[in-house]
Amino acid sequence: MGYLLSIQSISPQLRGLVARSLVGIQFLMLFIIGINALSQFHKGPHSYMQFEVVSVSLGVLVIGAAGWVLRPSLRISPIPIPGAPLIATGIYKFVRHPMYLGVILIGFGMAGYADSWLGWSSEIILILNLNVKARFEDALLREIHPESLHYQLHVSRLVPCVGSSCRTSCVLKED
């Protein structure tokens, strides 16, 4: 978390460039995964296709639930809308970035259908990119909503109750 504390020294122009780059990479990886999956469509169904359908369906549901709760603050960019409230209700009680989780689940289902090195490597890049995007967004939220630190300490970034999230105390442990 230490390197994100220096985010205050980043100019608004550089923040915008970082945000656009992260969004661009996200959509490029989804495009590659999707095209790769469509290129395998001629092969038809396979034995584990139900897992891919569940993954994509769950991803769409998670994005829908997040979008419903996030309506006043919804945007693609990780840069928060000025004056928008901190959302910590609904699905956001369980995971800080459910939209990103939904995108990962959709990508996972499509990469599984394609089942190729291109699809899986694009999914890995997508996961890494969304992790960086979530950290960037968290740092920006701490600037405009100091109370978000408490929220970030108690709610997991991408997957509910993983790692040190779901804490009952606000005491930080030194790594």
Protein backbone atom coordinates (compact mmCIF):
# COMPACT_ATOMS: atom_id res chain seq x y z
CA MET A 1 0.00 0.00 0.00
CA GLY A 2 3.01 2.25 0.50
CA TYR A 3 3.66 3.01 -3.16
CA LEU A 4 0.08 4.18 -3.60
CA LEU A 5 0.51 6.84 -0.94
CA SER A 6 2.64 8.76 -3.44
CA ILE A 7 -0.34 9.03 -5.79
CA GLN A 8 -0.93 12.57 -4.50
CA SER A 9 2.16 13.67 -6.40
CA ILE A 10 0.77 12.43 -9.74
CA SER A 11 -0.61 15.22 -11.94
CA PRO A 12 -4.23 15.07 -13.12
CA GLN A 13 -3.00 14.62 -16.70
CA LEU A 14 -0.88 11.59 -15.73
CA ARG A 15 -3.77 10.17 -13.69
CA GLY A 16 -5.96 10.46 -16.77
CA LEU A 17 -3.35 8.74 -18.92
CA VAL A 18 -2.97 5.90 -16.40
CA ALA A 19 -6.76 5.51 -16.17
CA ARG A 20 -7.20 5.44 -19.97
CA SER A 21 -4.34 2.96 -20.33
CA LEU A 22 -5.79 0.60 -17.72
CA VAL A 23 -9.25 0.76 -19.33
CA GLY A 24 -7.72 0.27 -22.79
CA ILE A 25 -5.77 -2.80 -21.69
CA GLN A 26 -8.90 -4.19 -20.03
CA PHE A 27 -10.98 -3.90 -23.19
CA LEU A 28 -8.16 -5.11 -25.43
CA MET A 29 -7.76 -8.28 -23.35
CA LEU A 30 -11.52 -8.88 -23.34
CA PHE A 31 -11.59 -8.37 -27.11
CA ILE A 32 -8.74 -10.85 -27.62
CA ILE A 33 -10.37 -13.41 -25.32
CA GLY A 34 -13.74 -12.95 -27.04
CA ILE A 35 -12.37 -13.23 -30.58
CA ASN A 36 -10.33 -16.25 -29.51
CA ALA A 37 -13.46 -17.89 -28.06
CA LEU A 38 -15.49 -17.12 -31.20
CA SER A 39 -12.76 -18.69 -33.34
CA GLN A 40 -13.37 -21.97 -31.47
CA PHE A 41 -17.16 -21.85 -31.91
CA HIS A 42 -17.05 -24.36 -34.77
CA LYS A 43 -15.82 -27.04 -32.35
CA GLY A 44 -19.19 -27.04 -30.57
CA PRO A 45 -19.93 -27.94 -26.95
CA HIS A 46 -17.45 -29.84 -24.79
CA SER A 47 -17.63 -31.72 -21.48
CA TYR A 48 -16.90 -28.78 -19.15
CA MET A 49 -18.89 -26.15 -21.02
CA GLN A 50 -21.41 -25.85 -18.15
CA PHE A 51 -18.63 -24.33 -16.00
CA GLU A 52 -17.91 -21.72 -18.66
CA VAL A 53 -21.59 -20.84 -18.99
CA VAL A 54 -21.87 -20.54 -15.19
CA SER A 55 -18.75 -18.35 -15.06
CA VAL A 56 -20.01 -15.97 -17.75
CA SER A 57 -23.54 -15.91 -16.28
CA LEU A 58 -22.25 -15.26 -12.78
CA GLY A 59 -20.01 -12.50 -14.15
CA VAL A 60 -22.97 -10.82 -15.84
CA LEU A 61 -25.05 -11.09 -12.63
CA VAL A 62 -22.25 -9.64 -10.50
CA ILE A 63 -21.81 -6.72 -12.93
CA GLY A 64 -25.57 -6.15 -12.97
CA ALA A 65 -25.79 -6.14 -9.15
CA ALA A 66 -22.80 -3.80 -8.91
CA GLY A 67 -24.15 -1.47 -11.59
CA TRP A 68 -27.50 -1.25 -9.83
CA VAL A 69 -25.91 -0.19 -6.54
CA LEU A 70 -23.28 2.03 -8.17
CA ARG A 71 -25.74 4.00 -10.33
CA PRO A 72 -24.87 7.45 -8.92
CA SER A 73 -21.13 6.84 -9.31
CA LEU A 74 -20.97 4.53 -12.34
CA ARG A 75 -18.16 5.06 -14.84
CA ILE A 76 -15.59 2.96 -16.67
CA SER A 77 -12.65 5.05 -15.53
CA PRO A 78 -11.04 4.24 -12.17
CA ILE A 79 -11.01 7.99 -11.45
CA PRO A 80 -14.00 8.65 -9.16
CA ILE A 81 -16.66 11.16 -10.17
CA PRO A 82 -16.09 14.36 -8.16
CA GLY A 83 -18.61 14.61 -5.34
CA ALA A 84 -19.85 11.04 -5.77
CA PRO A 85 -20.54 9.16 -2.55
CA LEU A 86 -18.49 6.21 -1.32
CA ILE A 87 -20.57 3.12 -2.08
CA ALA A 88 -20.31 0.38 0.56
CA THR A 89 -23.76 -1.20 0.38
CA GLY A 90 -25.30 -4.08 -1.55
CA ILE A 91 -22.69 -6.26 -3.22
CA TYR A 92 -20.08 -3.67 -2.21
CA LYS A 93 -20.40 -4.92 1.39
CA PHE A 94 -18.67 -8.12 0.26
CA VAL A 95 -16.19 -7.00 -2.39
CA ARG A 96 -14.82 -3.53 -3.18
CA HIS A 97 -14.61 -4.01 -6.95
CA PRO A 98 -17.41 -6.38 -8.00
CA MET A 99 -17.45 -4.99 -11.55
CA TYR A 100 -13.85 -6.13 -11.97
CA LEU A 101 -14.73 -9.51 -10.47
CA GLY A 102 -17.56 -9.82 -12.99
CA VAL A 103 -15.24 -8.98 -15.88
CA ILE A 104 -12.73 -11.58 -14.64
CA LEU A 105 -15.48 -14.23 -14.45
CA ILE A 106 -16.69 -13.42 -17.98
CA GLY A 107 -13.11 -13.54 -19.28
CA PHE A 108 -12.51 -16.82 -17.46
CA GLY A 109 -15.56 -18.43 -19.06
CA MET A 110 -14.60 -17.23 -22.55
CA ALA A 111 -10.93 -18.21 -22.10
CA GLY A 112 -12.08 -21.65 -20.94
CA TYR A 113 -14.20 -22.05 -24.05
CA ALA A 114 -11.31 -21.04 -26.31
CA ASP A 115 -8.91 -23.14 -24.22
CA SER A 116 -5.81 -21.76 -25.90
CA TRP A 117 -2.56 -20.19 -24.76
CA LEU A 118 -3.74 -16.87 -26.23
CA GLY A 119 -7.02 -16.94 -24.31
CA TRP A 120 -5.46 -17.96 -21.00
CA SER A 121 -2.52 -15.56 -21.26
CA SER A 122 -4.94 -12.72 -22.10
CA GLU A 123 -7.03 -13.67 -19.06
CA ILE A 124 -3.93 -13.55 -16.83
CA ILE A 125 -3.04 -10.11 -18.21
CA LEU A 126 -6.67 -9.03 -17.65
CA ILE A 127 -6.56 -10.18 -14.00
CA LEU A 128 -3.25 -8.40 -13.39
CA ASN A 129 -4.51 -5.23 -15.09
CA LEU A 130 -7.74 -5.19 -13.06
CA ASN A 131 -5.75 -5.70 -9.87
CA VAL A 132 -3.60 -2.66 -10.70
CA LYS A 133 -6.72 -0.71 -11.70
CA ALA A 134 -8.40 -1.60 -8.38
CA ARG A 135 -5.36 -0.49 -6.38
CA PHE A 136 -5.19 2.76 -8.35
CA GLU A 137 -8.89 3.40 -7.77
CA ASP A 138 -8.57 2.58 -4.05
CA ALA A 139 -5.77 5.15 -3.70
CA LEU A 140 -7.86 7.78 -5.47
CA LEU A 141 -10.86 6.98 -3.28
CA ARG A 142 -8.74 7.43 -0.14
CA GLU A 143 -7.92 10.95 -1.32
CA ILE A 144 -11.53 12.08 -1.62
CA HIS A 145 -13.06 9.76 1.00
CA PRO A 146 -10.63 9.35 3.93
CA GLU A 147 -13.18 7.02 5.57
CA SER A 148 -12.65 4.58 2.69
CA LEU A 149 -9.47 3.33 4.40
CA HIS A 150 -11.64 1.65 7.04
CA TYR A 151 -13.79 0.13 4.26
CA GLN A 152 -10.70 -1.01 2.35
CA LEU A 153 -9.28 -2.67 5.46
CA HIS A 154 -12.47 -4.67 6.04
CA VAL A 155 -13.68 -5.57 2.55
CA SER A 156 -11.75 -7.67 0.04
CA ARG A 157 -10.59 -6.09 -3.21
CA LEU A 158 -11.77 -8.65 -5.79
CA VAL A 159 -12.83 -11.90 -4.11
CA PRO A 160 -14.94 -11.89 -0.95
CA CYS A 161 -13.06 -12.74 2.28
CA VAL A 162 -9.65 -13.51 0.81
CA GLY A 163 -6.37 -12.69 2.51
CA SER A 164 -6.50 -10.09 5.23
CA SER A 165 -9.93 -8.77 4.30
CA CYS A 166 -12.94 -9.50 6.49
CA ARG A 167 -10.97 -8.30 9.52
CA THR A 168 -12.73 -7.43 12.69
CA SER A 169 -10.11 -4.91 13.81
CA CYS A 170 -8.50 -1.98 12.05
CA VAL A 171 -5.01 -2.77 13.28
CA LEU A 172 -2.55 -3.03 10.41
CA LYS A 173 0.08 -5.75 10.56
CA GLU A 174 3.52 -5.03 9.20
CA ASP A 175 4.39 -7.41 6.34
